C-alpha atoms as a PDB file:
ATOM      1  CA  MET A   1      89.541 132.260 108.641  1.00  0.00           C
ATOM      2  CA  ILE A   2      92.038 132.942 105.859  1.00  0.00           C
ATOM      3  CA  LEU A   3      92.982 130.169 103.436  1.00  0.00           C
ATOM      4  CA  GLU A   4      95.081 131.229 100.454  1.00  0.00           C
ATOM      5  CA  ARG A   5      96.562 129.173  97.641  1.00  0.00           C
ATOM      6  CA  ILE A   6      99.614 130.069  95.564  1.00  0.00           C
ATOM      7  CA  ALA A   7     100.288 127.846  92.556  1.00  0.00           C
ATOM      8  CA  ALA A   8     104.046 127.690  91.999  1.00  0.00           C
ATOM      9  CA  PRO A   9     105.245 128.453  88.441  1.00  0.00           C
ATOM     10  CA  TYR A  10     106.930 125.062  88.132  1.00  0.00           C
ATOM     11  CA  PHE A  11     104.613 122.018  88.216  1.00  0.00           C
ATOM     12  CA  GLY A  12     101.722 124.110  89.559  1.00  0.00           C
ATOM     13  CA  THR A  13     102.372 122.937  93.118  1.00  0.00           C
ATOM     14  CA  ASN A  14      99.825 124.336  95.559  1.00  0.00           C
ATOM     15  CA  CYS A  15     101.297 126.316  98.446  1.00  0.00           C
ATOM     16  CA  TRP A  16      98.604 126.739 101.097  1.00  0.00           C
ATOM     17  CA  ILE A  17      98.559 129.506 103.708  1.00  0.00           C
ATOM     18  CA  PHE A  18      96.377 129.071 106.820  1.00  0.00           C
ATOM     19  CA  ALA A  19      95.518 131.830 109.284  1.00  0.00           C
ATOM     20  CA  GLU A  20      92.681 132.441 111.729  1.00  0.00           C
ATOM     21  CA  ALA A  21      92.185 136.091 110.745  1.00  0.00           C
ATOM     22  CA  LYS A  22      93.931 139.187 109.450  1.00  0.00           C
ATOM     23  CA  GLY A  23      96.811 140.172 111.691  1.00  0.00           C
ATOM     24  CA  SER A  24      97.189 136.684 113.168  1.00  0.00           C
ATOM     25  CA  GLU A  25      99.848 133.997 113.065  1.00  0.00           C
ATOM     26  CA  CYS A  26      99.859 131.621 110.116  1.00  0.00           C
ATOM     27  CA  PHE A  27     101.516 128.524 108.721  1.00  0.00           C
ATOM     28  CA  ILE A  28     102.651 127.697 105.192  1.00  0.00           C
ATOM     29  CA  VAL A  29     102.310 124.366 103.374  1.00  0.00           C
ATOM     30  CA  ASP A  30     104.714 123.179 100.638  1.00  0.00           C
ATOM     31  CA  PRO A  31     106.437 126.311  99.291  1.00  0.00           C
ATOM     32  CA  GLY A  32     107.441 125.184  95.822  1.00  0.00           C
ATOM     33  CA  MET A  33     109.576 126.098  92.813  1.00  0.00           C
ATOM     34  CA  ALA A  34     109.993 129.545  91.295  1.00  0.00           C
ATOM     35  CA  ILE A  35     112.870 131.752  90.172  1.00  0.00           C
ATOM     36  CA  PRO A  36     114.658 132.519  92.423  1.00  0.00           C
ATOM     37  CA  ASP A  37     112.103 131.009  94.858  1.00  0.00           C
ATOM     38  CA  LEU A  38     108.486 131.414  96.000  1.00  0.00           C
ATOM     39  CA  VAL A  39     109.222 133.698  98.947  1.00  0.00           C
ATOM     40  CA  HIS A  40     108.189 136.920  97.182  1.00  0.00           C
ATOM     41  CA  GLU A  41     104.754 135.566  96.267  1.00  0.00           C
ATOM     42  CA  ILE A  42     104.190 134.246  99.788  1.00  0.00           C
ATOM     43  CA  SER A  43     105.346 137.521 101.331  1.00  0.00           C
ATOM     44  CA  GLU A  44     102.789 139.438  99.278  1.00  0.00           C
ATOM     45  CA  VAL A  45      99.993 137.373 100.828  1.00  0.00           C
ATOM     46  CA  LEU A  46     101.434 137.784 104.311  1.00  0.00           C
ATOM     47  CA  THR A  47     101.667 141.552 103.867  1.00  0.00           C
ATOM     48  CA  ARG A  48      98.150 141.866 102.445  1.00  0.00           C
ATOM     49  CA  HIS A  49      96.654 140.095 105.466  1.00  0.00           C
ATOM     50  CA  ARG A  50      99.263 141.325 108.003  1.00  0.00           C
ATOM     51  CA  LEU A  51     100.160 137.738 108.906  1.00  0.00           C
ATOM     52  CA  LYS A  52     103.027 136.444 111.032  1.00  0.00           C
ATOM     53  CA  PRO A  53     104.366 133.086 109.774  1.00  0.00           C
ATOM     54  CA  ILE A  54     105.458 130.675 112.482  1.00  0.00           C
ATOM     55  CA  ALA A  55     105.811 127.342 110.647  1.00  0.00           C
ATOM     56  CA  THR A  56     106.202 125.550 107.346  1.00  0.00           C
ATOM     57  CA  VAL A  57     104.491 122.174 106.959  1.00  0.00           C
ATOM     58  CA  VAL A  58     105.915 119.836 104.302  1.00  0.00           C
ATOM     59  CA  THR A  59     103.839 116.954 102.944  1.00  0.00           C
ATOM     60  CA  HIS A  60     106.772 115.104 101.360  1.00  0.00           C
ATOM     61  CA  GLY A  61     110.324 115.479 100.134  1.00  0.00           C
ATOM     62  CA  HIS A  62     109.916 116.094  96.395  1.00  0.00           C
ATOM     63  CA  LEU A  63     111.606 119.291  95.324  1.00  0.00           C
ATOM     64  CA  ASP A  64     108.507 120.848  93.775  1.00  0.00           C
ATOM     65  CA  HIS A  65     107.137 120.937  97.343  1.00  0.00           C
ATOM     66  CA  THR A  66     110.345 121.847  99.219  1.00  0.00           C
ATOM     67  CA  PHE A  67     112.325 124.135  96.910  1.00  0.00           C
ATOM     68  CA  SER A  68     111.501 127.346  98.818  1.00  0.00           C
ATOM     69  CA  VAL A  69     111.545 125.894 102.350  1.00  0.00           C
ATOM     70  CA  ARG A  70     115.100 127.016 103.112  1.00  0.00           C
ATOM     71  CA  PRO A  71     114.771 130.497 101.494  1.00  0.00           C
ATOM     72  CA  PHE A  72     111.534 131.055 103.406  1.00  0.00           C
ATOM     73  CA  ASP A  73     113.207 130.050 106.648  1.00  0.00           C
ATOM     74  CA  ASP A  74     116.181 132.305 105.881  1.00  0.00           C
ATOM     75  CA  LYS A  75     113.796 135.271 105.750  1.00  0.00           C
ATOM     76  CA  TYR A  76     111.302 134.419 108.484  1.00  0.00           C
ATOM     77  CA  GLY A  77     113.046 131.931 110.815  1.00  0.00           C
ATOM     78  CA  VAL A  78     110.144 129.505 111.240  1.00  0.00           C
ATOM     79  CA  ALA A  79     109.915 125.879 112.322  1.00  0.00           C
ATOM     80  CA  THR A  80     109.701 123.284 109.530  1.00  0.00           C
ATOM     81  CA  TYR A  81     107.644 120.117 110.042  1.00  0.00           C
ATOM     82  CA  ILE A  82     108.233 116.952 107.989  1.00  0.00           C
ATOM     83  CA  HIS A  83     108.086 113.165 108.391  1.00  0.00           C
ATOM     84  CA  PRO A  84     111.474 111.670 109.376  1.00  0.00           C
ATOM     85  CA  LYS A  85     111.541 109.333 106.354  1.00  0.00           C
ATOM     86  CA  ASP A  86     111.583 112.309 103.982  1.00  0.00           C
ATOM     87  CA  ARG A  87     113.630 114.702 106.101  1.00  0.00           C
ATOM     88  CA  GLU A  88     116.933 113.866 104.414  1.00  0.00           C
ATOM     89  CA  PHE A  89     115.600 115.133 101.079  1.00  0.00           C
ATOM     90  CA  LEU A  90     115.408 118.713 102.362  1.00  0.00           C
ATOM     91  CA  ALA A  91     119.183 118.858 102.065  1.00  0.00           C
ATOM     92  CA  ASN A  92     119.573 116.119  99.457  1.00  0.00           C
ATOM     93  CA  PRO A  93     116.628 116.379  97.023  1.00  0.00           C
ATOM     94  CA  GLN A  94     118.598 114.488  94.377  1.00  0.00           C
ATOM     95  CA  GLY A  95     118.300 111.431  96.618  1.00  0.00           C
ATOM     96  CA  ILE A  96     114.659 111.059  95.639  1.00  0.00           C
ATOM     97  CA  LEU A  97     114.726 112.502  92.107  1.00  0.00           C
ATOM     98  CA  SER A  98     114.721 110.345  89.010  1.00  0.00           C
ATOM     99  CA  PRO A  99     118.073 111.047  87.293  1.00  0.00           C
ATOM    100  CA  GLY A 100     117.539 113.051  84.128  1.00  0.00           C
ATOM    101  CA  GLY A 101     113.889 113.722  84.972  1.00  0.00           C
ATOM    102  CA  ALA A 102     112.019 117.006  84.566  1.00  0.00           C
ATOM    103  CA  THR A 103     113.039 118.401  87.957  1.00  0.00           C
ATOM    104  CA  ASP A 104     116.671 117.482  87.359  1.00  0.00           C
ATOM    105  CA  GLN A 105     116.591 119.330  84.033  1.00  0.00           C
ATOM    106  CA  ILE A 106     115.044 122.438  85.604  1.00  0.00           C
ATOM    107  CA  LEU A 107     117.767 122.531  88.267  1.00  0.00           C
ATOM    108  CA  LEU A 108     120.424 122.383  85.564  1.00  0.00           C
ATOM    109  CA  GLU A 109     118.783 125.265  83.722  1.00  0.00           C
ATOM    110  CA  MET A 110     118.505 127.284  86.948  1.00  0.00           C
ATOM    111  CA  GLY A 111     122.090 126.523  87.927  1.00  0.00           C
ATOM    112  CA  VAL A 112     121.012 125.333  91.385  1.00  0.00           C
ATOM    113  CA  THR A 113     123.334 122.674  92.760  1.00  0.00           C
ATOM    114  CA  THR A 114     123.315 122.931  96.562  1.00  0.00           C
ATOM    115  CA  PHE A 115     120.605 122.658  99.206  1.00  0.00           C
ATOM    116  CA  GLY A 116     120.461 122.659 102.980  1.00  0.00           C
ATOM    117  CA  GLU A 117     118.100 122.074 105.859  1.00  0.00           C
ATOM    118  CA  PRO A 118     116.366 125.017 107.494  1.00  0.00           C
ATOM    119  CA  GLN A 119     117.583 125.729 111.014  1.00  0.00           C
ATOM    120  CA  ASP A 120     114.624 124.341 112.985  1.00  0.00           C
ATOM    121  CA  VAL A 121     113.375 121.014 111.579  1.00  0.00           C
ATOM    122  CA  ARG A 122     110.792 119.129 113.618  1.00  0.00           C
ATOM    123  CA  GLU A 123     109.788 115.592 112.760  1.00  0.00           C
ATOM    124  CA  LEU A 124     106.152 114.500 112.724  1.00  0.00           C
ATOM    125  CA  VAL A 125     105.221 110.821 112.818  1.00  0.00           C
ATOM    126  CA  ASN A 126     101.878 109.111 112.325  1.00  0.00           C
ATOM    127  CA  GLY A 127      99.256 110.251 114.811  1.00  0.00           C
ATOM    128  CA  THR A 128     101.156 113.285 116.080  1.00  0.00           C
ATOM    129  CA  VAL A 129      98.833 116.195 116.870  1.00  0.00           C
ATOM    130  CA  ILE A 130     100.239 119.699 117.052  1.00  0.00           C
ATOM    131  CA  GLU A 131      98.766 123.176 117.378  1.00  0.00           C
ATOM    132  CA  ILE A 132     100.006 125.824 114.956  1.00  0.00           C
ATOM    133  CA  ALA A 133      98.620 129.340 114.627  1.00  0.00           C
ATOM    134  CA  GLY A 134      95.397 128.325 116.369  1.00  0.00           C
ATOM    135  CA  PHE A 135      94.807 125.211 114.233  1.00  0.00           C
ATOM    136  CA  HIS A 136      95.002 121.578 115.315  1.00  0.00           C
ATOM    137  CA  LEU A 137      96.959 119.458 112.832  1.00  0.00           C
ATOM    138  CA  LYS A 138      96.972 115.686 112.966  1.00  0.00           C
ATOM    139  CA  ALA A 139      99.725 113.994 110.952  1.00  0.00           C
ATOM    140  CA  LEU A 140      98.789 110.781 109.125  1.00  0.00           C
ATOM    141  CA  HIS A 141     101.687 108.889 107.562  1.00  0.00           C
ATOM    142  CA  ALA A 142     100.631 108.077 103.994  1.00  0.00           C
ATOM    143  CA  PRO A 143     103.516 106.409 102.100  1.00  0.00           C
ATOM    144  CA  GLY A 144     103.435 105.394  98.465  1.00  0.00           C
ATOM    145  CA  HIS A 145     104.293 108.538  96.549  1.00  0.00           C
ATOM    146  CA  THR A 146     107.368 108.833  98.780  1.00  0.00           C
ATOM    147  CA  PRO A 147     108.366 106.885 101.917  1.00  0.00           C
ATOM    148  CA  GLY A 148     107.587 109.832 104.190  1.00  0.00           C
ATOM    149  CA  SER A 149     104.497 111.228 102.478  1.00  0.00           C
ATOM    150  CA  THR A 150     102.124 112.613 105.105  1.00  0.00           C
ATOM    151  CA  VAL A 151      98.620 114.035 104.984  1.00  0.00           C
ATOM    152  CA  PHE A 152      97.415 116.485 107.610  1.00  0.00           C
ATOM    153  CA  GLN A 153      93.933 116.735 109.033  1.00  0.00           C
ATOM    154  CA  VAL A 154      93.196 120.319 110.059  1.00  0.00           C
ATOM    155  CA  ASP A 155      90.499 120.911 112.708  1.00  0.00           C
ATOM    156  CA  ASP A 156      88.387 118.021 111.372  1.00  0.00           C
ATOM    157  CA  GLU A 157      87.509 120.301 108.446  1.00  0.00           C
ATOM    158  CA  TYR A 158      90.359 120.076 105.932  1.00  0.00           C
ATOM    159  CA  LEU A 159      92.753 117.417 104.690  1.00  0.00           C
ATOM    160  CA  ILE A 160      96.065 118.641 103.311  1.00  0.00           C
ATOM    161  CA  SER A 161      96.670 115.711 100.986  1.00  0.00           C
ATOM    162  CA  GLY A 162      99.977 116.591  99.302  1.00  0.00           C
ATOM    163  CA  ASP A 163     100.543 114.228  96.391  1.00  0.00           C
ATOM    164  CA  VAL A 164      98.559 111.358  97.890  1.00  0.00           C
ATOM    165  CA  LEU A 165      95.024 112.273  96.773  1.00  0.00           C
ATOM    166  CA  PHE A 166      93.851 114.568  93.972  1.00  0.00           C
ATOM    167  CA  GLN A 167      90.512 115.239  92.344  1.00  0.00           C
ATOM    168  CA  ASN A 168      89.784 112.006  90.446  1.00  0.00           C
ATOM    169  CA  SER A 169      93.378 110.826  90.803  1.00  0.00           C
ATOM    170  CA  ILE A 170      96.212 109.882  93.159  1.00  0.00           C
ATOM    171  CA  GLY A 171      99.949 110.486  93.391  1.00  0.00           C
ATOM    172  CA  ASN A 172     102.362 108.873  90.962  1.00  0.00           C
ATOM    173  CA  THR A 173     104.186 105.878  92.434  1.00  0.00           C
ATOM    174  CA  SER A 174     106.642 105.356  89.568  1.00  0.00           C
ATOM    175  CA  PHE A 175     109.118 107.928  90.887  1.00  0.00           C
ATOM    176  CA  ARG A 176     112.243 106.870  92.720  1.00  0.00           C
ATOM    177  CA  LEU A 177     111.337 105.333  96.107  1.00  0.00           C
ATOM    178  CA  GLY A 178     107.645 105.273  95.198  1.00  0.00           C
ATOM    179  CA  SER A 179     105.587 102.171  95.963  1.00  0.00           C
ATOM    180  CA  SER A 180     102.283 101.132  94.401  1.00  0.00           C
ATOM    181  CA  SER A 181     101.623  98.583  97.137  1.00  0.00           C
ATOM    182  CA  ASP A 182     102.234 101.178  99.858  1.00  0.00           C
ATOM    183  CA  MET A 183      99.948 103.630  98.067  1.00  0.00           C
ATOM    184  CA  LYS A 184      97.115 101.099  97.983  1.00  0.00           C
ATOM    185  CA  LYS A 185      97.544 100.463 101.709  1.00  0.00           C
ATOM    186  CA  THR A 186      97.479 104.215 102.304  1.00  0.00           C
ATOM    187  CA  LEU A 187      94.300 104.668 100.276  1.00  0.00           C
ATOM    188  CA  ARG A 188      92.569 101.797 102.064  1.00  0.00           C
ATOM    189  CA  ASN A 189      93.789 102.404 105.611  1.00  0.00           C
ATOM    190  CA  VAL A 190      94.327 106.162 105.776  1.00  0.00           C
ATOM    191  CA  ILE A 191      92.149 107.875 103.159  1.00  0.00           C
ATOM    192  CA  LEU A 192      88.984 105.757 102.975  1.00  0.00           C
ATOM    193  CA  PRO A 193      88.246 105.851 106.741  1.00  0.00           C
ATOM    194  CA  LEU A 194      88.172 109.673 106.702  1.00  0.00           C
ATOM    195  CA  ALA A 195      84.902 111.613 106.955  1.00  0.00           C
ATOM    196  CA  ASP A 196      83.134 112.469 103.701  1.00  0.00           C
ATOM    197  CA  GLU A 197      82.846 116.122 104.739  1.00  0.00           C
ATOM    198  CA  LEU A 198      86.588 116.747 104.849  1.00  0.00           C
ATOM    199  CA  ILE A 199      87.651 119.336 102.260  1.00  0.00           C
ATOM    200  CA  VAL A 200      90.714 118.030 100.430  1.00  0.00           C
ATOM    201  CA  LEU A 201      93.487 120.528  99.665  1.00  0.00           C
ATOM    202  CA  PRO A 202      95.768 118.677  97.227  1.00  0.00           C
ATOM    203  CA  GLY A 203      99.342 119.326  96.202  1.00  0.00           C
ATOM    204  CA  HIS A 204      98.228 120.032  92.631  1.00  0.00           C
ATOM    205  CA  GLY A 205      94.911 120.965  91.069  1.00  0.00           C
ATOM    206  CA  ALA A 206      91.510 121.818  92.475  1.00  0.00           C
ATOM    207  CA  GLU A 207      89.982 121.281  95.898  1.00  0.00           C
ATOM    208  CA  THR A 208      87.651 118.352  96.405  1.00  0.00           C
ATOM    209  CA  THR A 209      86.112 116.382  99.290  1.00  0.00           C
ATOM    210  CA  ILE A 210      86.616 112.886 100.640  1.00  0.00           C
ATOM    211  CA  GLY A 211      82.992 112.053  99.871  1.00  0.00           C
ATOM    212  CA  ARG A 212      83.322 113.164  96.260  1.00  0.00           C
ATOM    213  CA  GLU A 213      86.478 111.138  95.776  1.00  0.00           C
ATOM    214  CA  ARG A 214      85.017 108.098  97.511  1.00  0.00           C
ATOM    215  CA  LYS A 215      82.250 108.166  94.909  1.00  0.00           C
ATOM    216  CA  ASN A 216      84.051 109.306  91.751  1.00  0.00           C
ATOM    217  CA  ASN A 217      87.751 108.470  92.075  1.00  0.00           C
ATOM    218  CA  ASP A 218      88.529 105.171  90.319  1.00  0.00           C
ATOM    219  CA  TYR A 219      91.608 104.719  92.507  1.00  0.00           C
ATOM    220  CA  LEU A 220      89.489 104.471  95.651  1.00  0.00           C
ATOM    221  CA  GLN A 221      87.399 101.598  94.306  1.00  0.00           C
ATOM    222  CA  GLU A 222      87.916  97.964  95.249  1.00  0.00           C
ATOM    223  CA  ARG A 223      88.803  96.932  91.694  1.00  0.00           C
ATOM    224  CA  PHE A 224      91.912  99.122  91.876  1.00  0.00           C
ATOM    225  CA  LEU A 225      92.777  98.481  95.516  1.00  0.00           C
ATOM    226  CA  ARG A 226      92.709  94.722  94.923  1.00  0.00           C
ATOM    227  CA  SER A 227      94.558  94.814  91.604  1.00  0.00           C
ATOM    228  CA  ALA A 228      98.046  93.396  91.252  1.00  0.00           C
ATOM    229  CA  ASP A 229     100.936  95.859  91.473  1.00  0.00           C
END
């Protein structure tokens, strides 16, 4: 198996690349922000392993996770998977950005003002299981960071957690359309029931496991989950 990570220059967003072996099909997770985009860095990995991309999987609609989705599709013509509640932000990322925030300032500096959907967008709702490039992905709707935040269980071995769960932390809920109460429900009902052995591939930072976070992450403890919003 091939599992590669590219940390985008802006915000250090993890772009994950999954493939069964050299020369096989692959899928991309959360191609983030770079100048002019992250396509060159992804293409280098694809070339090195002789991979054929067939899909992009998007964990949520924040621009640091979606910035290079359309440029990547323009080059490779792949399907793009996203939850319907965050789909609109592919073409309208400002709809979920905090006005005047860091991302807004970066866009002004870059001179980027327009966005659009890739050609083939496919919506994934809670419980949907799909097969991509030889992997089984199960979508688990995990709102809180954004309304359409989704984590993906891959072959009962990995959890692509986006900005829901990090090593010793969780996603920020103070952004526009974020919800602390929804995040607590997600942590209790979606994250905590998962198997300890699952390897967590977060949207930022280092890999971890569900078991490690269950033990060490303060946000997965009852005192936080029962606290007032």
